[in-house]
Amino acid sequence: MTQDKVRVPDLARMKAARQPITMLTAYDFPFARIFDNCGVDLLLVGDSLAMVVRGEANTLAVTIDEVIYHTRVVARARRRALVVADMPFLSYQVSPEDALRNAGRLVKEGGAEAVKLEGGVAVAEAVARITAVDIPVMGHVGLTPQSVHRMGGHRVQGRKSGRAPGCRERLLEDAAALEAAGAFAIVVEGVPPSLAREITASVAIPTIGIGAGPDCDGQVLVMHDMLGLGESCAPRFAKPFAHLWNEAAAAASSYVREVKERAFPAPEHCYAEARGASR
C-alpha cells in the first residue's frame, strides 16, 4: 500500500494501469482518519449524510453550509486520500455562476480538493465553468439521488433504450458530455453491469461504480453500508464488511447493565485519593 498523497492526475494513471480505485464516504474525523490510514484513495463527503447521519428519506434537504462543515472535518483527518465534496441539491443547477461560487466555497471554506455533482448533458455548462478555474469536478450519472422524484424512488437506471433522462443512450451521452466539459472522473450508480462496462470503455477518464458491477475503474460505498451501521438491511449492491450496528447495540446494552448493577465504574476506573485525604 502506497502512502503517497493521492492527487487528481493519479486517477488517470490508475485507470491506465488498470489499478482499481477505492472510495468511501466519510463525514467525521475518526472514520476519515481510519479510512485514510487503511489506504482508501478517495474520501467522499456525500450529501448522503442526509440519510445516514440525519435519518432523512432522501438527500434533498442538505445545504452547502452543512457539506462545508463536514468537509472541513474530513479534510482535517486525511493525510493521503483525495477529499471530494458533494454539491448538494440546488447548489449548481440554478446557473453556472452559482455552481462556480458554491464549488469555490467547498474548496476555500471546506478544504475539498475536488467537487462532485450529479447529471450529464444538463449540467455540462456548470462543469465547464467550474473546471475553467481549475477546480476538479467528478461527475455522477445513472441513479442520481437528487433526481429521486423524477425516477419515482431510488430505481435502477439504463435498462430502457432511448435518449430520455435515465435511458441507456442518454447515460452514454451524459458521460461523454461530462468528459468533454472537463470532469476528471465519473461515478456510475445503479445501472446494469453491461452499461457500466460500456460507459467505462467509452470515456478516457476513470469511472467509479456503485451498484454498477465489477467493470468500472473503481468502486465506492457509503461507509454505513460498508460497516453494517444501518438499522435495516443494506442495499442489494452493498456488502457489509462488518456489523457495527449490532456490536454497538451490544456494547451499549452492557454499559446500561453494568451501571444499573453498580459494576461500572470499578476501582480501576477511579482516580487515586490525594495523600493525606480523609477517608
C-alpha atoms as a PDB file:
ATOM      1  CA  MET A   1       0.000   0.000   0.000  1.00  0.00           C
ATOM      2  CA  THR A   2       1.499   3.320  -1.053  1.00  0.00           C
ATOM      3  CA  GLN A   3       1.456   6.233   1.369  1.00  0.00           C
ATOM      4  CA  ASP A   4       1.993   8.873  -1.327  1.00  0.00           C
ATOM      5  CA  LYS A   5      -0.640  11.629  -1.418  1.00  0.00           C
ATOM      6  CA  VAL A   6      -3.375  10.863  -3.944  1.00  0.00           C
ATOM      7  CA  ARG A   7      -3.935  13.717  -6.376  1.00  0.00           C
ATOM      8  CA  VAL A   8      -6.324  14.206  -9.281  1.00  0.00           C
ATOM      9  CA  PRO A   9      -3.827  13.221 -12.044  1.00  0.00           C
ATOM     10  CA  ASP A  10      -3.097   9.965 -10.224  1.00  0.00           C
ATOM     11  CA  LEU A  11      -6.570   8.643 -11.016  1.00  0.00           C
ATOM     12  CA  ALA A  12      -5.960   8.764 -14.767  1.00  0.00           C
ATOM     13  CA  ARG A  13      -2.723   6.859 -14.249  1.00  0.00           C
ATOM     14  CA  MET A  14      -4.552   4.289 -12.124  1.00  0.00           C
ATOM     15  CA  LYS A  15      -7.086   3.747 -14.910  1.00  0.00           C
ATOM     16  CA  ALA A  16      -4.321   3.366 -17.494  1.00  0.00           C
ATOM     17  CA  ALA A  17      -2.530   0.860 -15.272  1.00  0.00           C
ATOM     18  CA  ARG A  18      -5.793  -0.989 -14.545  1.00  0.00           C
ATOM     19  CA  GLN A  19      -5.245  -0.360 -10.841  1.00  0.00           C
ATOM     20  CA  PRO A  20      -8.655  -0.329  -9.089  1.00  0.00           C
ATOM     21  CA  ILE A  21      -9.606   2.926  -7.350  1.00  0.00           C
ATOM     22  CA  THR A  22     -11.175   2.820  -3.871  1.00  0.00           C
ATOM     23  CA  MET A  23     -13.561   5.430  -2.490  1.00  0.00           C
ATOM     24  CA  LEU A  24     -15.650   5.568   0.686  1.00  0.00           C
ATOM     25  CA  THR A  25     -17.897   8.253   2.090  1.00  0.00           C
ATOM     26  CA  ALA A  26     -16.816   9.921   5.335  1.00  0.00           C
ATOM     27  CA  TYR A  27     -18.470  12.579   7.448  1.00  0.00           C
ATOM     28  CA  ASP A  28     -16.355  12.910  10.606  1.00  0.00           C
ATOM     29  CA  PHE A  29     -12.758  12.873  11.861  1.00  0.00           C
ATOM     30  CA  PRO A  30     -12.434   9.344  13.336  1.00  0.00           C
ATOM     31  CA  PHE A  31     -13.746   7.413  10.351  1.00  0.00           C
ATOM     32  CA  ALA A  32     -11.958   9.655   7.858  1.00  0.00           C
ATOM     33  CA  ARG A  33      -8.671   9.011   9.694  1.00  0.00           C
ATOM     34  CA  ILE A  34      -9.328   5.254   9.839  1.00  0.00           C
ATOM     35  CA  PHE A  35     -10.131   5.013   6.129  1.00  0.00           C
ATOM     36  CA  ASP A  36      -7.187   7.217   5.203  1.00  0.00           C
ATOM     37  CA  ASN A  37      -4.799   5.089   7.261  1.00  0.00           C
ATOM     38  CA  CYS A  38      -6.155   1.952   5.574  1.00  0.00           C
ATOM     39  CA  GLY A  39      -5.297   3.210   2.098  1.00  0.00           C
ATOM     40  CA  VAL A  40      -8.657   4.371   0.736  1.00  0.00           C
ATOM     41  CA  ASP A  41      -7.838   6.511  -2.305  1.00  0.00           C
ATOM     42  CA  LEU A  42     -10.731   8.995  -2.165  1.00  0.00           C
ATOM     43  CA  LEU A  43     -12.908  10.207   0.689  1.00  0.00           C
ATOM     44  CA  LEU A  44     -16.299  11.489  -0.449  1.00  0.00           C
ATOM     45  CA  VAL A  45     -18.189  13.863   1.809  1.00  0.00           C
ATOM     46  CA  GLY A  46     -21.520  12.848   0.373  1.00  0.00           C
ATOM     47  CA  ASP A  47     -24.889  14.531   0.569  1.00  0.00           C
ATOM     48  CA  SER A  48     -25.878  11.013   1.643  1.00  0.00           C
ATOM     49  CA  LEU A  49     -25.253  12.442   5.114  1.00  0.00           C
ATOM     50  CA  ALA A  50     -28.918  13.465   4.998  1.00  0.00           C
ATOM     51  CA  MET A  51     -29.933   9.815   5.061  1.00  0.00           C
ATOM     52  CA  VAL A  52     -27.217   8.055   7.053  1.00  0.00           C
ATOM     53  CA  VAL A  53     -26.375  10.815   9.560  1.00  0.00           C
ATOM     54  CA  ARG A  54     -29.675  12.688   9.860  1.00  0.00           C
ATOM     55  CA  GLY A  55     -32.111   9.844   9.129  1.00  0.00           C
ATOM     56  CA  GLU A  56     -33.958  11.542   6.284  1.00  0.00           C
ATOM     57  CA  ALA A  57     -35.657   9.762   3.377  1.00  0.00           C
ATOM     58  CA  ASN A  58     -33.549  11.380   0.646  1.00  0.00           C
ATOM     59  CA  THR A  59     -30.642  13.783   0.082  1.00  0.00           C
ATOM     60  CA  LEU A  60     -32.560  16.875  -0.978  1.00  0.00           C
ATOM     61  CA  ALA A  61     -32.546  18.892   2.262  1.00  0.00           C
ATOM     62  CA  VAL A  62     -28.758  19.093   2.681  1.00  0.00           C
ATOM     63  CA  THR A  63     -27.315  22.613   2.413  1.00  0.00           C
ATOM     64  CA  ILE A  64     -23.974  23.823   1.112  1.00  0.00           C
ATOM     65  CA  ASP A  65     -23.071  25.035   4.624  1.00  0.00           C
ATOM     66  CA  GLU A  66     -23.640  21.556   6.050  1.00  0.00           C
ATOM     67  CA  VAL A  67     -21.414  19.948   3.420  1.00  0.00           C
ATOM     68  CA  ILE A  68     -18.731  22.579   4.084  1.00  0.00           C
ATOM     69  CA  TYR A  69     -18.817  21.741   7.798  1.00  0.00           C
ATOM     70  CA  HIS A  70     -18.400  18.004   7.276  1.00  0.00           C
ATOM     71  CA  THR A  71     -15.783  18.519   4.564  1.00  0.00           C
ATOM     72  CA  ARG A  72     -13.684  20.661   6.872  1.00  0.00           C
ATOM     73  CA  VAL A  73     -13.693  17.877   9.479  1.00  0.00           C
ATOM     74  CA  VAL A  74     -12.788  15.167   6.968  1.00  0.00           C
ATOM     75  CA  ALA A  75     -10.065  17.283   5.353  1.00  0.00           C
ATOM     76  CA  ARG A  76      -8.509  17.781   8.776  1.00  0.00           C
ATOM     77  CA  ALA A  77      -8.300  13.997   9.259  1.00  0.00           C
ATOM     78  CA  ARG A  78      -6.868  12.884   5.945  1.00  0.00           C
ATOM     79  CA  ARG A  79      -3.185  12.646   5.147  1.00  0.00           C
ATOM     80  CA  ARG A  80      -3.177  10.663   1.897  1.00  0.00           C
ATOM     81  CA  ALA A  81      -6.640  10.384   0.346  1.00  0.00           C
ATOM     82  CA  LEU A  82      -8.153  12.853  -2.134  1.00  0.00           C
ATOM     83  CA  VAL A  83     -11.095  14.637  -0.489  1.00  0.00           C
ATOM     84  CA  VAL A  84     -14.142  15.104  -2.729  1.00  0.00           C
ATOM     85  CA  ALA A  85     -17.186  17.110  -1.570  1.00  0.00           C
ATOM     86  CA  ASP A  86     -20.694  16.633  -2.914  1.00  0.00           C
ATOM     87  CA  MET A  87     -22.513  19.651  -4.291  1.00  0.00           C
ATOM     88  CA  PRO A  88     -25.998  19.421  -2.776  1.00  0.00           C
ATOM     89  CA  PHE A  89     -29.329  19.961  -4.485  1.00  0.00           C
ATOM     90  CA  LEU A  90     -29.748  23.477  -5.939  1.00  0.00           C
ATOM     91  CA  SER A  91     -26.111  24.408  -5.283  1.00  0.00           C
ATOM     92  CA  TYR A  92     -25.250  24.048  -9.004  1.00  0.00           C
ATOM     93  CA  GLN A  93     -28.485  23.758 -11.007  1.00  0.00           C
ATOM     94  CA  VAL A  94     -29.565  27.416 -10.893  1.00  0.00           C
ATOM     95  CA  SER A  95     -26.739  28.834 -13.036  1.00  0.00           C
ATOM     96  CA  PRO A  96     -23.107  28.091 -13.938  1.00  0.00           C
ATOM     97  CA  GLU A  97     -22.056  31.141 -11.926  1.00  0.00           C
ATOM     98  CA  ASP A  98     -23.907  29.862  -8.865  1.00  0.00           C
ATOM     99  CA  ALA A  99     -22.265  26.465  -9.370  1.00  0.00           C
ATOM    100  CA  LEU A 100     -18.826  28.058  -9.525  1.00  0.00           C
ATOM    101  CA  ARG A 101     -19.468  30.113  -6.402  1.00  0.00           C
ATOM    102  CA  ASN A 102     -20.553  27.085  -4.382  1.00  0.00           C
ATOM    103  CA  ALA A 103     -17.767  24.874  -5.699  1.00  0.00           C
ATOM    104  CA  GLY A 104     -15.322  27.576  -4.664  1.00  0.00           C
ATOM    105  CA  ARG A 105     -16.790  27.632  -1.159  1.00  0.00           C
ATOM    106  CA  LEU A 106     -16.326  23.871  -0.823  1.00  0.00           C
ATOM    107  CA  VAL A 107     -12.656  24.268  -1.725  1.00  0.00           C
ATOM    108  CA  LYS A 108     -11.929  27.520   0.107  1.00  0.00           C
ATOM    109  CA  GLU A 109     -14.003  27.032   3.257  1.00  0.00           C
ATOM    110  CA  GLY A 110     -14.257  23.252   3.417  1.00  0.00           C
ATOM    111  CA  GLY A 111     -10.814  22.207   2.235  1.00  0.00           C
ATOM    112  CA  ALA A 112     -12.120  19.968  -0.553  1.00  0.00           C
ATOM    113  CA  GLU A 113      -9.691  19.013  -3.300  1.00  0.00           C
ATOM    114  CA  ALA A 114     -12.494  18.280  -5.778  1.00  0.00           C
ATOM    115  CA  VAL A 115     -16.267  18.539  -6.006  1.00  0.00           C
ATOM    116  CA  LYS A 116     -18.901  16.111  -7.278  1.00  0.00           C
ATOM    117  CA  LEU A 117     -22.216  16.913  -8.921  1.00  0.00           C
ATOM    118  CA  GLU A 118     -24.996  14.863 -10.480  1.00  0.00           C
ATOM    119  CA  GLY A 119     -26.155  14.799 -14.093  1.00  0.00           C
ATOM    120  CA  GLY A 120     -24.631  14.892 -17.531  1.00  0.00           C
ATOM    121  CA  VAL A 121     -25.763  16.869 -20.546  1.00  0.00           C
ATOM    122  CA  ALA A 122     -27.912  19.167 -18.405  1.00  0.00           C
ATOM    123  CA  VAL A 123     -25.027  20.200 -16.124  1.00  0.00           C
ATOM    124  CA  ALA A 124     -22.178  20.208 -18.656  1.00  0.00           C
ATOM    125  CA  GLU A 125     -22.090  24.005 -18.772  1.00  0.00           C
ATOM    126  CA  ALA A 126     -21.750  24.201 -14.993  1.00  0.00           C
ATOM    127  CA  VAL A 127     -18.977  21.582 -15.043  1.00  0.00           C
ATOM    128  CA  ALA A 128     -17.112  23.542 -17.720  1.00  0.00           C
ATOM    129  CA  ARG A 129     -17.463  26.755 -15.714  1.00  0.00           C
ATOM    130  CA  ILE A 130     -16.062  25.154 -12.579  1.00  0.00           C
ATOM    131  CA  THR A 131     -13.193  23.338 -14.296  1.00  0.00           C
ATOM    132  CA  ALA A 132     -12.263  26.546 -16.162  1.00  0.00           C
ATOM    133  CA  VAL A 133     -10.932  27.922 -12.873  1.00  0.00           C
ATOM    134  CA  ASP A 134      -9.100  24.664 -12.111  1.00  0.00           C
ATOM    135  CA  ILE A 135     -11.482  23.224  -9.551  1.00  0.00           C
ATOM    136  CA  PRO A 136     -11.551  19.472 -10.291  1.00  0.00           C
ATOM    137  CA  VAL A 137     -15.035  18.069 -10.905  1.00  0.00           C
ATOM    138  CA  MET A 138     -16.243  14.492 -10.544  1.00  0.00           C
ATOM    139  CA  GLY A 139     -19.446  13.703 -12.403  1.00  0.00           C
ATOM    140  CA  HIS A 140     -22.238  11.306 -11.411  1.00  0.00           C
ATOM    141  CA  VAL A 141     -24.586   9.516 -13.824  1.00  0.00           C
ATOM    142  CA  GLY A 142     -27.157   6.739 -13.639  1.00  0.00           C
ATOM    143  CA  LEU A 143     -29.116   6.592 -10.424  1.00  0.00           C
ATOM    144  CA  THR A 144     -28.689  10.176  -9.277  1.00  0.00           C
ATOM    145  CA  PRO A 145     -30.218  10.510  -5.780  1.00  0.00           C
ATOM    146  CA  GLN A 146     -31.117  14.185  -6.234  1.00  0.00           C
ATOM    147  CA  SER A 147     -33.444  13.050  -9.052  1.00  0.00           C
ATOM    148  CA  VAL A 148     -35.381  10.781  -6.697  1.00  0.00           C
ATOM    149  CA  HIS A 149     -38.762  12.301  -7.530  1.00  0.00           C
ATOM    150  CA  ARG A 150     -38.262  12.139 -11.301  1.00  0.00           C
ATOM    151  CA  MET A 151     -37.150   8.497 -11.013  1.00  0.00           C
ATOM    152  CA  GLY A 152     -40.028   7.572  -8.696  1.00  0.00           C
ATOM    153  CA  GLY A 153     -37.633   6.418  -5.989  1.00  0.00           C
ATOM    154  CA  HIS A 154     -34.110   5.048  -5.935  1.00  0.00           C
ATOM    155  CA  ARG A 155     -34.505   2.879  -9.027  1.00  0.00           C
ATOM    156  CA  VAL A 156     -32.050   1.207 -11.373  1.00  0.00           C
ATOM    157  CA  GLN A 157     -31.426   3.333 -14.475  1.00  0.00           C
ATOM    158  CA  GLY A 158     -30.311   2.474 -18.004  1.00  0.00           C
ATOM    159  CA  ARG A 159     -32.460  -0.594 -18.534  1.00  0.00           C
ATOM    160  CA  LYS A 160     -34.515   1.074 -21.280  1.00  0.00           C
ATOM    161  CA  SER A 161     -33.167   2.258 -24.608  1.00  0.00           C
ATOM    162  CA  GLY A 162     -33.642   5.876 -25.572  1.00  0.00           C
ATOM    163  CA  ARG A 163     -32.382   9.374 -25.008  1.00  0.00           C
ATOM    164  CA  ALA A 164     -34.788  10.426 -22.279  1.00  0.00           C
ATOM    165  CA  PRO A 165     -33.254  11.021 -18.840  1.00  0.00           C
ATOM    166  CA  GLY A 166     -32.243   7.711 -17.281  1.00  0.00           C
ATOM    167  CA  CYS A 167     -32.288   5.738 -20.537  1.00  0.00           C
ATOM    168  CA  ARG A 168     -29.285   3.833 -21.865  1.00  0.00           C
ATOM    169  CA  GLU A 169     -28.219   6.017 -24.771  1.00  0.00           C
ATOM    170  CA  ARG A 170     -28.811   9.165 -22.729  1.00  0.00           C
ATOM    171  CA  LEU A 171     -26.481   7.911 -19.999  1.00  0.00           C
ATOM    172  CA  LEU A 172     -23.756   7.314 -22.574  1.00  0.00           C
ATOM    173  CA  GLU A 173     -24.305  10.869 -23.808  1.00  0.00           C
ATOM    174  CA  ASP A 174     -24.209  12.144 -20.228  1.00  0.00           C
ATOM    175  CA  ALA A 175     -20.835  10.508 -19.613  1.00  0.00           C
ATOM    176  CA  ALA A 176     -19.435  11.900 -22.870  1.00  0.00           C
ATOM    177  CA  ALA A 177     -20.704  15.393 -22.017  1.00  0.00           C
ATOM    178  CA  LEU A 178     -19.044  15.283 -18.603  1.00  0.00           C
ATOM    179  CA  GLU A 179     -15.732  14.237 -20.087  1.00  0.00           C
ATOM    180  CA  ALA A 180     -15.935  16.952 -22.753  1.00  0.00           C
ATOM    181  CA  ALA A 181     -16.710  19.548 -20.068  1.00  0.00           C
ATOM    182  CA  GLY A 182     -13.538  18.665 -18.173  1.00  0.00           C
ATOM    183  CA  ALA A 183     -14.603  16.228 -15.458  1.00  0.00           C
ATOM    184  CA  PHE A 184     -11.730  14.098 -14.167  1.00  0.00           C
ATOM    185  CA  ALA A 185     -13.849  11.082 -13.161  1.00  0.00           C
ATOM    186  CA  ILE A 186     -17.462   9.866 -13.152  1.00  0.00           C
ATOM    187  CA  VAL A 187     -19.441   7.971 -10.536  1.00  0.00           C
ATOM    188  CA  VAL A 188     -21.717   5.442 -12.250  1.00  0.00           C
ATOM    189  CA  GLU A 189     -24.537   4.400  -9.951  1.00  0.00           C
ATOM    190  CA  GLY A 190     -27.376   1.925 -10.165  1.00  0.00           C
ATOM    191  CA  VAL A 191     -27.096   0.695 -13.757  1.00  0.00           C
ATOM    192  CA  PRO A 192     -26.784  -2.790 -15.290  1.00  0.00           C
ATOM    193  CA  PRO A 193     -23.166  -4.023 -15.436  1.00  0.00           C
ATOM    194  CA  SER A 194     -23.191  -4.128 -19.241  1.00  0.00           C
ATOM    195  CA  LEU A 195     -23.967  -0.403 -19.415  1.00  0.00           C
ATOM    196  CA  ALA A 196     -21.343   0.446 -16.797  1.00  0.00           C
ATOM    197  CA  ARG A 197     -18.831  -1.540 -18.830  1.00  0.00           C
ATOM    198  CA  GLU A 198     -19.787   0.363 -21.984  1.00  0.00           C
ATOM    199  CA  ILE A 199     -19.553   3.746 -20.260  1.00  0.00           C
ATOM    200  CA  THR A 200     -16.144   2.837 -18.824  1.00  0.00           C
ATOM    201  CA  ALA A 201     -14.851   1.846 -22.255  1.00  0.00           C
ATOM    202  CA  SER A 202     -16.316   4.939 -23.923  1.00  0.00           C
ATOM    203  CA  VAL A 203     -14.536   7.562 -21.803  1.00  0.00           C
ATOM    204  CA  ALA A 204     -10.859   8.155 -21.145  1.00  0.00           C
ATOM    205  CA  ILE A 205     -11.472   9.333 -17.572  1.00  0.00           C
ATOM    206  CA  PRO A 206     -11.965   6.881 -14.671  1.00  0.00           C
ATOM    207  CA  THR A 207     -15.372   5.555 -13.696  1.00  0.00           C
ATOM    208  CA  ILE A 208     -16.205   4.669 -10.108  1.00  0.00           C
ATOM    209  CA  GLY A 209     -19.093   2.295  -9.690  1.00  0.00           C
ATOM    210  CA  ILE A 210     -21.722   1.834  -7.021  1.00  0.00           C
ATOM    211  CA  GLY A 211     -24.334  -0.748  -7.826  1.00  0.00           C
ATOM    212  CA  ALA A 212     -22.878  -0.898 -11.342  1.00  0.00           C
ATOM    213  CA  GLY A 213     -20.988  -4.177 -11.380  1.00  0.00           C
ATOM    214  CA  PRO A 214     -17.272  -5.018 -11.337  1.00  0.00           C
ATOM    215  CA  ASP A 215     -16.057  -3.445 -14.573  1.00  0.00           C
ATOM    216  CA  CYS A 216     -15.743   0.212 -13.558  1.00  0.00           C
ATOM    217  CA  ASP A 217     -12.275   1.582 -12.827  1.00  0.00           C
ATOM    218  CA  GLY A 218     -13.064   1.764  -9.121  1.00  0.00           C
ATOM    219  CA  GLN A 219     -15.760   1.293  -6.505  1.00  0.00           C
ATOM    220  CA  VAL A 220     -17.418   3.466  -3.872  1.00  0.00           C
ATOM    221  CA  LEU A 221     -19.672   2.587  -0.954  1.00  0.00           C
ATOM    222  CA  VAL A 222     -21.432   4.616   1.703  1.00  0.00           C
ATOM    223  CA  MET A 223     -19.469   3.926   4.882  1.00  0.00           C
ATOM    224  CA  HIS A 224     -22.567   2.988   6.873  1.00  0.00           C
ATOM    225  CA  ASP A 225     -23.416   0.279   4.327  1.00  0.00           C
ATOM    226  CA  MET A 226     -19.825  -0.992   4.284  1.00  0.00           C
ATOM    227  CA  LEU A 227     -19.618  -1.117   8.096  1.00  0.00           C
ATOM    228  CA  GLY A 228     -23.095  -2.531   8.721  1.00  0.00           C
ATOM    229  CA  LEU A 229     -24.075   0.629  10.599  1.00  0.00           C
ATOM    230  CA  GLY A 230     -27.695   0.632   9.480  1.00  0.00           C
ATOM    231  CA  GLU A 231     -30.746  -0.476  11.414  1.00  0.00           C
ATOM    232  CA  SER A 232     -32.165  -2.081   8.273  1.00  0.00           C
ATOM    233  CA  CYS A 233     -30.553  -4.208   5.579  1.00  0.00           C
ATOM    234  CA  ALA A 234     -28.033  -2.600   3.245  1.00  0.00           C
ATOM    235  CA  PRO A 235     -28.946  -2.139  -0.437  1.00  0.00           C
ATOM    236  CA  ARG A 236     -28.512  -5.154  -2.709  1.00  0.00           C
ATOM    237  CA  PHE A 237     -25.303  -3.778  -4.229  1.00  0.00           C
ATOM    238  CA  ALA A 238     -23.612  -3.096  -0.878  1.00  0.00           C
ATOM    239  CA  LYS A 239     -21.596  -5.665   1.042  1.00  0.00           C
ATOM    240  CA  PRO A 240     -21.369  -5.133   4.807  1.00  0.00           C
ATOM    241  CA  PHE A 241     -17.755  -5.878   5.721  1.00  0.00           C
ATOM    242  CA  ALA A 242     -18.672  -5.594   9.413  1.00  0.00           C
ATOM    243  CA  HIS A 243     -21.832  -5.445  11.528  1.00  0.00           C
ATOM    244  CA  LEU A 244     -21.153  -2.464  13.754  1.00  0.00           C
ATOM    245  CA  TRP A 245     -24.820  -1.704  14.441  1.00  0.00           C
ATOM    246  CA  ASN A 246     -25.122  -4.996  16.342  1.00  0.00           C
ATOM    247  CA  GLU A 247     -21.750  -4.540  18.038  1.00  0.00           C
ATOM    248  CA  ALA A 248     -22.636  -1.014  19.154  1.00  0.00           C
ATOM    249  CA  ALA A 249     -26.008  -2.221  20.446  1.00  0.00           C
ATOM    250  CA  ALA A 250     -24.319  -4.990  22.416  1.00  0.00           C
ATOM    251  CA  ALA A 251     -21.790  -2.543  23.881  1.00  0.00           C
ATOM    252  CA  ALA A 252     -24.497  -0.055  24.896  1.00  0.00           C
ATOM    253  CA  SER A 253     -26.560  -2.836  26.490  1.00  0.00           C
ATOM    254  CA  SER A 254     -23.526  -3.961  28.501  1.00  0.00           C
ATOM    255  CA  TYR A 255     -22.902  -0.390  29.640  1.00  0.00           C
ATOM    256  CA  VAL A 256     -26.519   0.044  30.779  1.00  0.00           C
ATOM    257  CA  ARG A 257     -26.457  -3.271  32.636  1.00  0.00           C
ATOM    258  CA  GLU A 258     -23.171  -2.566  34.440  1.00  0.00           C
ATOM    259  CA  VAL A 259     -24.261   0.906  35.522  1.00  0.00           C
ATOM    260  CA  LYS A 260     -27.591  -0.433  36.781  1.00  0.00           C
ATOM    261  CA  GLU A 261     -25.765  -3.189  38.701  1.00  0.00           C
ATOM    262  CA  ARG A 262     -23.158  -0.707  40.026  1.00  0.00           C
ATOM    263  CA  ALA A 263     -20.422  -2.794  38.372  1.00  0.00           C
ATOM    264  CA  PHE A 264     -19.183   0.271  36.497  1.00  0.00           C
ATOM    265  CA  PRO A 265     -17.188   2.270  37.370  1.00  0.00           C
ATOM    266  CA  ALA A 266     -14.970  -0.282  39.116  1.00  0.00           C
ATOM    267  CA  PRO A 267     -11.952   0.722  41.244  1.00  0.00           C
ATOM    268  CA  GLU A 268      -9.659   0.597  38.219  1.00  0.00           C
ATOM    269  CA  HIS A 269     -11.761   3.330  36.593  1.00  0.00           C
ATOM    270  CA  CYS A 270     -11.381   5.710  39.553  1.00  0.00           C
ATOM    271  CA  TYR A 271      -8.642   8.228  40.384  1.00  0.00           C
ATOM    272  CA  ALA A 272      -6.468   7.643  43.453  1.00  0.00           C
ATOM    273  CA  GLU A 273      -7.159   9.756  46.509  1.00  0.00           C
ATOM    274  CA  ALA A 274      -4.698  12.552  47.327  1.00  0.00           C
ATOM    275  CA  ARG A 275      -2.211  11.662  50.027  1.00  0.00           C
ATOM    276  CA  GLY A 276      -3.435  12.681  53.443  1.00  0.00           C
ATOM    277  CA  ALA A 277      -7.042  12.967  52.308  1.00  0.00           C
ATOM    278  CA  SER A 278      -9.598  11.914  54.857  1.00  0.00           C
ATOM    279  CA  ARG A 279     -11.154   8.521  54.313  1.00  0.00           C
END
